[in-house]
Amino acid sequence: MTRKADLIENQKTALVAFSTYLSDLESDRYPNNEVFLIEIAFENEKIKPKDISFTLLDKAPIKVQKLSKKDEKAMRLYRHSPWNECFIVYFDSVLPIDITNVALKMHIKGYEQELVFDYSYVVENVL
């Protein structure tokens, strides 16, 4: 359940981000929240972690935790590169009716483009 998005500026990659929907992978570990592991490669030195914010269904996270490079378990399981920054982003649980529309959005200060990690899906034969 990992998605990738790129921020492109002047035909060059400014930032690469990976999002893993932990709540979907480990629902028993995160039963009361929507939780994402975000891994970011800062390709443009102007962009800093403080310039980044997230929304899920237009709501801000309840907590953003930066992972230490010493957190070996997380780094071993999810890390694409040892130079990337990793964060765990927590949101309140979404209503069952909204779970099919889950899309995490990443906003970068100073850029109009937002990065979208789409986890939505179609439910067939409901009626």
Protein backbone atom coordinates (compact mmCIF):
# COMPACT_ATOMS: atom_id res chain seq x y z
CA MET A 1 0.00 0.00 0.00
CA THR A 2 2.81 2.40 -0.82
CA ARG A 3 2.27 5.30 -3.19
CA LYS A 4 4.87 7.63 -4.72
CA ALA A 5 4.59 11.28 -5.77
CA ASP A 6 7.07 13.78 -7.22
CA LEU A 7 7.22 17.55 -6.95
CA ILE A 8 8.59 18.89 -10.23
CA GLU A 9 10.01 22.40 -10.53
CA ASN A 10 11.47 23.75 -13.79
CA GLN A 11 11.50 20.23 -15.25
CA LYS A 12 13.59 18.96 -12.32
CA THR A 13 12.60 16.87 -9.36
CA ALA A 14 12.43 19.05 -6.24
CA LEU A 15 11.06 16.38 -3.89
CA VAL A 16 10.15 12.69 -3.99
CA ALA A 17 7.74 11.29 -1.42
CA PHE A 18 6.53 7.81 -0.57
CA SER A 19 3.43 7.18 1.52
CA THR A 20 2.59 3.84 3.14
CA TYR A 21 -0.90 3.47 4.62
CA LEU A 22 0.01 1.72 7.87
CA SER A 23 -3.58 1.49 9.10
CA ASP A 24 -4.44 -0.62 6.11
CA LEU A 25 -1.41 -2.90 6.57
CA GLU A 26 -1.56 -3.14 10.36
CA SER A 27 -5.17 -2.42 11.29
CA ASP A 28 -4.89 -4.19 14.65
CA ARG A 29 -1.98 -1.93 15.61
CA TYR A 30 -3.78 1.30 14.62
CA PRO A 31 -7.49 0.59 15.31
CA ASN A 32 -8.48 4.17 16.20
CA ASN A 33 -6.53 6.26 13.71
CA GLU A 34 -5.55 6.57 10.08
CA VAL A 35 -1.76 6.34 10.12
CA PHE A 36 0.73 6.88 7.30
CA LEU A 37 4.47 6.46 7.06
CA ILE A 38 5.87 9.23 4.88
CA GLU A 39 9.36 9.05 3.44
CA ILE A 40 10.73 12.16 1.73
CA ALA A 41 13.78 12.72 -0.43
CA PHE A 42 14.55 16.43 -0.44
CA GLU A 43 16.15 17.05 -3.84
CA ASN A 44 15.89 20.85 -3.55
CA GLU A 45 17.73 22.32 -0.58
CA LYS A 46 15.20 25.19 -0.37
CA ILE A 47 12.48 22.81 0.83
CA LYS A 48 12.66 21.91 4.52
CA PRO A 49 10.51 19.54 6.61
CA LYS A 50 8.86 22.56 8.29
CA ASP A 51 7.51 23.59 4.86
CA ILE A 52 5.40 20.45 4.54
CA SER A 53 1.88 19.84 5.81
CA PHE A 54 -0.69 17.10 5.28
CA THR A 55 -4.45 16.72 5.04
CA LEU A 56 -6.74 13.71 4.86
CA LEU A 57 -10.26 14.43 3.62
CA ASP A 58 -9.48 18.13 4.21
CA LYS A 59 -8.57 17.57 7.89
CA ALA A 60 -5.20 18.27 9.50
CA PRO A 61 -3.31 15.49 11.26
CA ILE A 62 -3.57 15.06 15.00
CA LYS A 63 0.15 14.25 15.22
CA VAL A 64 3.24 14.23 13.02
CA GLN A 65 6.20 12.32 14.40
CA LYS A 66 9.63 12.51 12.80
CA LEU A 67 11.41 9.16 12.96
CA SER A 68 14.95 9.05 14.15
CA LYS A 69 17.52 7.53 11.85
CA LYS A 70 18.30 5.34 14.86
CA ASP A 71 14.84 3.73 14.72
CA GLU A 72 16.23 0.60 13.11
CA LYS A 73 12.96 -1.31 12.77
CA ALA A 74 11.20 1.43 10.82
CA MET A 75 14.25 2.18 8.74
CA ARG A 76 14.80 -1.48 7.87
CA LEU A 77 11.19 -2.16 6.95
CA TYR A 78 10.18 0.94 5.05
CA ARG A 79 13.18 3.03 4.06
CA HIS A 80 14.05 3.48 0.40
CA SER A 81 17.28 5.38 1.11
CA PRO A 82 19.28 6.16 4.26
CA TRP A 83 19.34 9.85 3.30
CA ASN A 84 15.56 10.26 3.25
CA GLU A 85 13.55 11.78 6.10
CA CYS A 86 10.74 9.66 7.57
CA PHE A 87 7.60 10.72 9.43
CA ILE A 88 4.58 8.97 10.87
CA VAL A 89 1.42 11.02 10.35
CA TYR A 90 -1.66 10.32 12.48
CA PHE A 91 -5.21 11.35 11.65
CA ASP A 92 -8.52 10.72 13.39
CA SER A 93 -10.31 7.67 12.01
CA VAL A 94 -12.46 8.28 8.99
CA LEU A 95 -16.11 7.28 8.89
CA PRO A 96 -16.82 3.95 7.21
CA ILE A 97 -18.67 5.79 4.44
CA ASP A 98 -15.52 7.83 3.67
CA ILE A 99 -12.98 4.98 3.73
CA THR A 100 -13.39 4.42 -0.01
CA ASN A 101 -12.35 8.06 -0.67
CA VAL A 102 -9.13 8.17 1.33
CA ALA A 103 -6.52 10.38 -0.32
CA LEU A 104 -3.63 11.82 1.65
CA LYS A 105 -2.54 15.24 0.41
CA MET A 106 0.88 16.76 0.97
CA HIS A 107 1.22 20.53 0.76
CA ILE A 108 4.58 22.25 0.29
CA LYS A 109 4.89 25.90 1.29
CA GLY A 110 5.64 28.08 -1.73
CA TYR A 111 4.31 25.58 -4.30
CA GLU A 112 0.85 25.41 -5.86
CA GLN A 113 1.17 21.73 -6.71
CA GLU A 114 -0.01 19.39 -3.99
CA LEU A 115 1.07 15.77 -3.92
CA VAL A 116 -1.79 13.29 -3.71
CA PHE A 117 -1.47 9.73 -2.46
CA ASP A 118 -4.72 8.12 -3.57
CA TYR A 119 -5.91 5.12 -1.52
CA SER A 120 -9.51 5.28 -2.71
CA TYR A 121 -11.21 2.26 -4.17
CA VAL A 122 -14.49 1.27 -5.75
CA VAL A 123 -16.97 -0.86 -3.84
CA GLU A 124 -18.95 -2.98 -6.28
CA ASN A 125 -22.28 -4.74 -5.84
CA VAL A 126 -23.25 -2.76 -2.76
CA LEU A 127 -26.93 -2.53 -3.58
